[in-house]
Amino acid sequence: MADIPLLRKALSDTKTIAMVGLSDKPYRPSYFAGKYMMEHGFTVIPVNPMCDEILGQQCYPSIADIPNSVDMVDCFRRSEEMPELARQSVENGARYFWMQLSIINQEAESIASDAGLEVIMDRCVKIEHARLFGGLGWVGVNTRIISAKRPKYISN
């Protein structure tokens, strides 16, 4: 399980996120997460074979089709698809392999971590960013992080 220092490091180090399964439908959680991350300075690369463009960004059919390496691959797909996505993330040169809420796959974790990627499972990138970098605590949500220091905001 990812601890807070790993989550903070992943979100601080990341500039470019390939979002696998990013939907073009505004009511889907992936769309909301992608939009949030873009609004907070991240470059989001949609990966969805059914779309040409999402959130104004060129969409790619797979991670393998992205011409540049990315910092993080964030997956909104079913657990059984994770091993192949982990392999593609390794080939791309990503540093972080992130599986969204309720997505747990030990084989994918092994593939990615054996290749040197940091792996985060069963977490939402949007929720963790808001929790660790100031968004949630300001509206009364208990983030379970107690500190007398102001959060360090990512400047992208």
C-alpha atoms as a PDB file:
ATOM      1  CA  MET A   1       0.000   0.000   0.000  1.00  0.00           C
ATOM      2  CA  ALA A   2       1.255   3.456  -0.909  1.00  0.00           C
ATOM      3  CA  ASP A   3       2.263   5.601   2.018  1.00  0.00           C
ATOM      4  CA  ILE A   4       1.991   9.368   2.206  1.00  0.00           C
ATOM      5  CA  PRO A   5       5.658  10.089   1.362  1.00  0.00           C
ATOM      6  CA  LEU A   6       5.339   8.001  -1.838  1.00  0.00           C
ATOM      7  CA  LEU A   7       2.085   9.710  -2.815  1.00  0.00           C
ATOM      8  CA  ARG A   8       3.572  13.149  -2.165  1.00  0.00           C
ATOM      9  CA  LYS A   9       6.735  12.262  -4.125  1.00  0.00           C
ATOM     10  CA  ALA A  10       4.762  10.876  -7.069  1.00  0.00           C
ATOM     11  CA  LEU A  11       2.555  13.938  -7.310  1.00  0.00           C
ATOM     12  CA  SER A  12       5.462  16.354  -6.822  1.00  0.00           C
ATOM     13  CA  ASP A  13       7.712  14.674  -9.408  1.00  0.00           C
ATOM     14  CA  THR A  14       5.030  14.254 -12.045  1.00  0.00           C
ATOM     15  CA  LYS A  15       4.447  16.772 -14.812  1.00  0.00           C
ATOM     16  CA  THR A  16       2.947  14.512 -17.512  1.00  0.00           C
ATOM     17  CA  ILE A  17       0.204  11.945 -16.882  1.00  0.00           C
ATOM     18  CA  ALA A  18      -1.063   9.423 -19.423  1.00  0.00           C
ATOM     19  CA  MET A  19      -4.651   8.718 -18.333  1.00  0.00           C
ATOM     20  CA  VAL A  20      -5.691   5.313 -19.649  1.00  0.00           C
ATOM     21  CA  GLY A  21      -9.453   5.060 -19.945  1.00  0.00           C
ATOM     22  CA  LEU A  22     -10.038   8.803 -19.748  1.00  0.00           C
ATOM     23  CA  SER A  23     -13.641   9.330 -20.852  1.00  0.00           C
ATOM     24  CA  ASP A  24     -14.995  12.106 -23.030  1.00  0.00           C
ATOM     25  CA  LYS A  25     -18.199  12.089 -20.952  1.00  0.00           C
ATOM     26  CA  PRO A  26     -18.217  14.909 -18.356  1.00  0.00           C
ATOM     27  CA  TYR A  27     -20.169  12.837 -15.802  1.00  0.00           C
ATOM     28  CA  ARG A  28     -17.536  10.070 -15.625  1.00  0.00           C
ATOM     29  CA  PRO A  29     -15.007  10.075 -12.742  1.00  0.00           C
ATOM     30  CA  SER A  30     -12.055   9.831 -15.157  1.00  0.00           C
ATOM     31  CA  TYR A  31     -13.158  13.009 -16.952  1.00  0.00           C
ATOM     32  CA  PHE A  32     -13.460  14.879 -13.662  1.00  0.00           C
ATOM     33  CA  ALA A  33     -10.026  13.635 -12.517  1.00  0.00           C
ATOM     34  CA  GLY A  34      -8.384  14.547 -15.826  1.00  0.00           C
ATOM     35  CA  LYS A  35      -9.911  18.004 -15.827  1.00  0.00           C
ATOM     36  CA  TYR A  36      -8.860  18.576 -12.196  1.00  0.00           C
ATOM     37  CA  MET A  37      -5.266  17.525 -12.887  1.00  0.00           C
ATOM     38  CA  MET A  38      -5.074  19.804 -15.941  1.00  0.00           C
ATOM     39  CA  GLU A  39      -6.449  22.704 -13.905  1.00  0.00           C
ATOM     40  CA  HIS A  40      -3.647  22.091 -11.404  1.00  0.00           C
ATOM     41  CA  GLY A  41      -0.854  22.371 -13.959  1.00  0.00           C
ATOM     42  CA  PHE A  42      -0.360  18.788 -15.095  1.00  0.00           C
ATOM     43  CA  THR A  43      -0.131  17.798 -18.745  1.00  0.00           C
ATOM     44  CA  VAL A  44      -2.740  15.093 -19.298  1.00  0.00           C
ATOM     45  CA  ILE A  45      -2.442  12.729 -22.262  1.00  0.00           C
ATOM     46  CA  PRO A  46      -5.709  10.870 -22.880  1.00  0.00           C
ATOM     47  CA  VAL A  47      -5.450   7.184 -23.802  1.00  0.00           C
ATOM     48  CA  ASN A  48      -8.729   5.940 -25.252  1.00  0.00           C
ATOM     49  CA  PRO A  49      -9.055   4.097 -28.591  1.00  0.00           C
ATOM     50  CA  MET A  50     -12.636   5.375 -29.032  1.00  0.00           C
ATOM     51  CA  CYS A  51     -11.760   9.095 -29.147  1.00  0.00           C
ATOM     52  CA  ASP A  52      -9.585  11.445 -31.163  1.00  0.00           C
ATOM     53  CA  GLU A  53      -9.567  14.236 -28.584  1.00  0.00           C
ATOM     54  CA  ILE A  54     -10.559  14.623 -24.916  1.00  0.00           C
ATOM     55  CA  LEU A  55     -10.355  17.833 -22.866  1.00  0.00           C
ATOM     56  CA  GLY A  56      -8.789  19.534 -25.885  1.00  0.00           C
ATOM     57  CA  GLN A  57      -5.869  17.087 -25.912  1.00  0.00           C
ATOM     58  CA  GLN A  58      -4.950  14.608 -28.655  1.00  0.00           C
ATOM     59  CA  CYS A  59      -6.030  11.125 -27.663  1.00  0.00           C
ATOM     60  CA  TYR A  60      -3.942   7.982 -28.260  1.00  0.00           C
ATOM     61  CA  PRO A  61      -5.309   4.443 -28.682  1.00  0.00           C
ATOM     62  CA  SER A  62      -2.710   2.926 -26.314  1.00  0.00           C
ATOM     63  CA  ILE A  63       0.270   3.829 -24.139  1.00  0.00           C
ATOM     64  CA  ALA A  64       2.504   2.309 -26.831  1.00  0.00           C
ATOM     65  CA  ASP A  65       1.230   4.929 -29.314  1.00  0.00           C
ATOM     66  CA  ILE A  66       2.312   7.920 -27.190  1.00  0.00           C
ATOM     67  CA  PRO A  67       5.405   9.325 -28.958  1.00  0.00           C
ATOM     68  CA  ASN A  68       7.131  10.595 -25.770  1.00  0.00           C
ATOM     69  CA  SER A  69       7.716   9.111 -22.351  1.00  0.00           C
ATOM     70  CA  VAL A  70       5.427  10.220 -19.536  1.00  0.00           C
ATOM     71  CA  ASP A  71       6.056  10.606 -15.834  1.00  0.00           C
ATOM     72  CA  MET A  72       2.979   8.692 -14.689  1.00  0.00           C
ATOM     73  CA  VAL A  73       0.466   6.272 -16.165  1.00  0.00           C
ATOM     74  CA  ASP A  74      -2.886   6.564 -14.373  1.00  0.00           C
ATOM     75  CA  CYS A  75      -5.259   3.672 -15.139  1.00  0.00           C
ATOM     76  CA  PHE A  76      -9.058   3.813 -15.184  1.00  0.00           C
ATOM     77  CA  ARG A  77      -9.513   0.298 -16.576  1.00  0.00           C
ATOM     78  CA  ARG A  78     -10.492  -3.091 -15.124  1.00  0.00           C
ATOM     79  CA  SER A  79      -8.051  -4.982 -12.910  1.00  0.00           C
ATOM     80  CA  GLU A  80      -7.515  -7.762 -15.450  1.00  0.00           C
ATOM     81  CA  GLU A  81      -6.161  -5.224 -17.974  1.00  0.00           C
ATOM     82  CA  MET A  82      -3.447  -3.969 -15.609  1.00  0.00           C
ATOM     83  CA  PRO A  83      -0.604  -6.418 -16.481  1.00  0.00           C
ATOM     84  CA  GLU A  84      -0.588  -5.346 -20.133  1.00  0.00           C
ATOM     85  CA  LEU A  85      -0.841  -1.685 -19.144  1.00  0.00           C
ATOM     86  CA  ALA A  86       2.079  -2.173 -16.752  1.00  0.00           C
ATOM     87  CA  ARG A  87       4.160  -3.667 -19.584  1.00  0.00           C
ATOM     88  CA  GLN A  88       3.328  -0.733 -21.850  1.00  0.00           C
ATOM     89  CA  SER A  89       4.184   1.700 -19.040  1.00  0.00           C
ATOM     90  CA  VAL A  90       7.596   0.071 -18.642  1.00  0.00           C
ATOM     91  CA  GLU A  91       8.188   0.294 -22.407  1.00  0.00           C
ATOM     92  CA  ASN A  92       7.169   3.959 -22.390  1.00  0.00           C
ATOM     93  CA  GLY A  93       9.698   4.810 -19.664  1.00  0.00           C
ATOM     94  CA  ALA A  94       7.152   6.015 -17.112  1.00  0.00           C
ATOM     95  CA  ARG A  95       8.304   6.413 -13.509  1.00  0.00           C
ATOM     96  CA  TYR A  96       4.964   5.806 -11.775  1.00  0.00           C
ATOM     97  CA  PHE A  97       2.208   3.264 -12.439  1.00  0.00           C
ATOM     98  CA  TRP A  98      -1.019   4.340 -10.721  1.00  0.00           C
ATOM     99  CA  MET A  99      -4.132   2.152 -10.480  1.00  0.00           C
ATOM    100  CA  GLN A 100      -7.302   3.993  -9.554  1.00  0.00           C
ATOM    101  CA  LEU A 101      -9.741   3.274  -6.718  1.00  0.00           C
ATOM    102  CA  SER A 102     -10.775  -0.404  -6.437  1.00  0.00           C
ATOM    103  CA  ILE A 103      -8.142  -1.497  -8.961  1.00  0.00           C
ATOM    104  CA  ILE A 104      -5.756  -4.030  -7.447  1.00  0.00           C
ATOM    105  CA  ASN A 105      -3.560  -6.383  -9.472  1.00  0.00           C
ATOM    106  CA  GLN A 106      -0.508  -8.027  -7.934  1.00  0.00           C
ATOM    107  CA  GLU A 107       0.853  -9.244 -11.284  1.00  0.00           C
ATOM    108  CA  ALA A 108       0.822  -5.691 -12.672  1.00  0.00           C
ATOM    109  CA  GLU A 109       2.456  -4.448  -9.493  1.00  0.00           C
ATOM    110  CA  SER A 110       5.264  -6.998  -9.923  1.00  0.00           C
ATOM    111  CA  ILE A 111       5.766  -6.198 -13.617  1.00  0.00           C
ATOM    112  CA  ALA A 112       6.034  -2.474 -12.947  1.00  0.00           C
ATOM    113  CA  SER A 113       8.040  -2.592  -9.712  1.00  0.00           C
ATOM    114  CA  ASP A 114      10.497  -5.190 -11.091  1.00  0.00           C
ATOM    115  CA  ALA A 115      11.221  -2.723 -13.896  1.00  0.00           C
ATOM    116  CA  GLY A 116      11.834   0.104 -11.403  1.00  0.00           C
ATOM    117  CA  LEU A 117       8.486   1.918 -11.495  1.00  0.00           C
ATOM    118  CA  GLU A 118       6.846   3.073  -8.289  1.00  0.00           C
ATOM    119  CA  VAL A 119       3.388   1.495  -8.030  1.00  0.00           C
ATOM    120  CA  ILE A 120       0.283   2.939  -6.421  1.00  0.00           C
ATOM    121  CA  MET A 121      -2.913   0.860  -6.232  1.00  0.00           C
ATOM    122  CA  ASP A 122      -6.467   1.524  -5.131  1.00  0.00           C
ATOM    123  CA  ARG A 123      -6.040   5.312  -4.902  1.00  0.00           C
ATOM    124  CA  CYS A 124      -7.492   8.243  -6.855  1.00  0.00           C
ATOM    125  CA  VAL A 125      -4.916  10.676  -8.203  1.00  0.00           C
ATOM    126  CA  LYS A 126      -7.347  13.606  -7.915  1.00  0.00           C
ATOM    127  CA  ILE A 127      -8.361  12.803  -4.338  1.00  0.00           C
ATOM    128  CA  GLU A 128      -4.750  12.286  -3.233  1.00  0.00           C
ATOM    129  CA  HIS A 129      -3.606  15.521  -4.878  1.00  0.00           C
ATOM    130  CA  ALA A 130      -6.384  17.491  -3.183  1.00  0.00           C
ATOM    131  CA  ARG A 131      -5.742  15.772   0.153  1.00  0.00           C
ATOM    132  CA  LEU A 132      -1.965  16.241   0.167  1.00  0.00           C
ATOM    133  CA  PHE A 133      -1.678  19.633  -1.494  1.00  0.00           C
ATOM    134  CA  GLY A 134      -4.433  21.558   0.189  1.00  0.00           C
ATOM    135  CA  GLY A 135      -7.778  21.144  -1.517  1.00  0.00           C
ATOM    136  CA  LEU A 136      -9.715  18.881   0.826  1.00  0.00           C
ATOM    137  CA  GLY A 137      -8.710  20.103   4.267  1.00  0.00           C
ATOM    138  CA  TRP A 138      -9.906  23.624   3.492  1.00  0.00           C
ATOM    139  CA  VAL A 139     -13.516  22.459   3.110  1.00  0.00           C
ATOM    140  CA  GLY A 140     -13.681  20.457   6.320  1.00  0.00           C
ATOM    141  CA  VAL A 141     -12.716  17.001   5.086  1.00  0.00           C
ATOM    142  CA  ASN A 142     -10.564  15.027   7.515  1.00  0.00           C
ATOM    143  CA  THR A 143      -7.435  14.214   5.510  1.00  0.00           C
ATOM    144  CA  ARG A 144      -5.794  12.334   8.425  1.00  0.00           C
ATOM    145  CA  ILE A 145      -2.701  14.509   7.988  1.00  0.00           C
ATOM    146  CA  ILE A 146      -1.961  16.727  10.961  1.00  0.00           C
ATOM    147  CA  SER A 147       0.610  19.436  10.493  1.00  0.00           C
ATOM    148  CA  ALA A 148       1.360  22.923  11.716  1.00  0.00           C
ATOM    149  CA  LYS A 149       2.985  23.665   8.372  1.00  0.00           C
ATOM    150  CA  ARG A 150       1.225  24.983   5.313  1.00  0.00           C
ATOM    151  CA  PRO A 151       1.108  22.449   2.489  1.00  0.00           C
ATOM    152  CA  LYS A 152       3.741  22.823  -0.201  1.00  0.00           C
ATOM    153  CA  TYR A 153       1.894  23.538  -3.411  1.00  0.00           C
ATOM    154  CA  ILE A 154       3.115  22.213  -6.731  1.00  0.00           C
ATOM    155  CA  SER A 155       4.042  24.995  -9.103  1.00  0.00           C
ATOM    156  CA  ASN A 156       3.744  23.752 -12.659  1.00  0.00           C
END
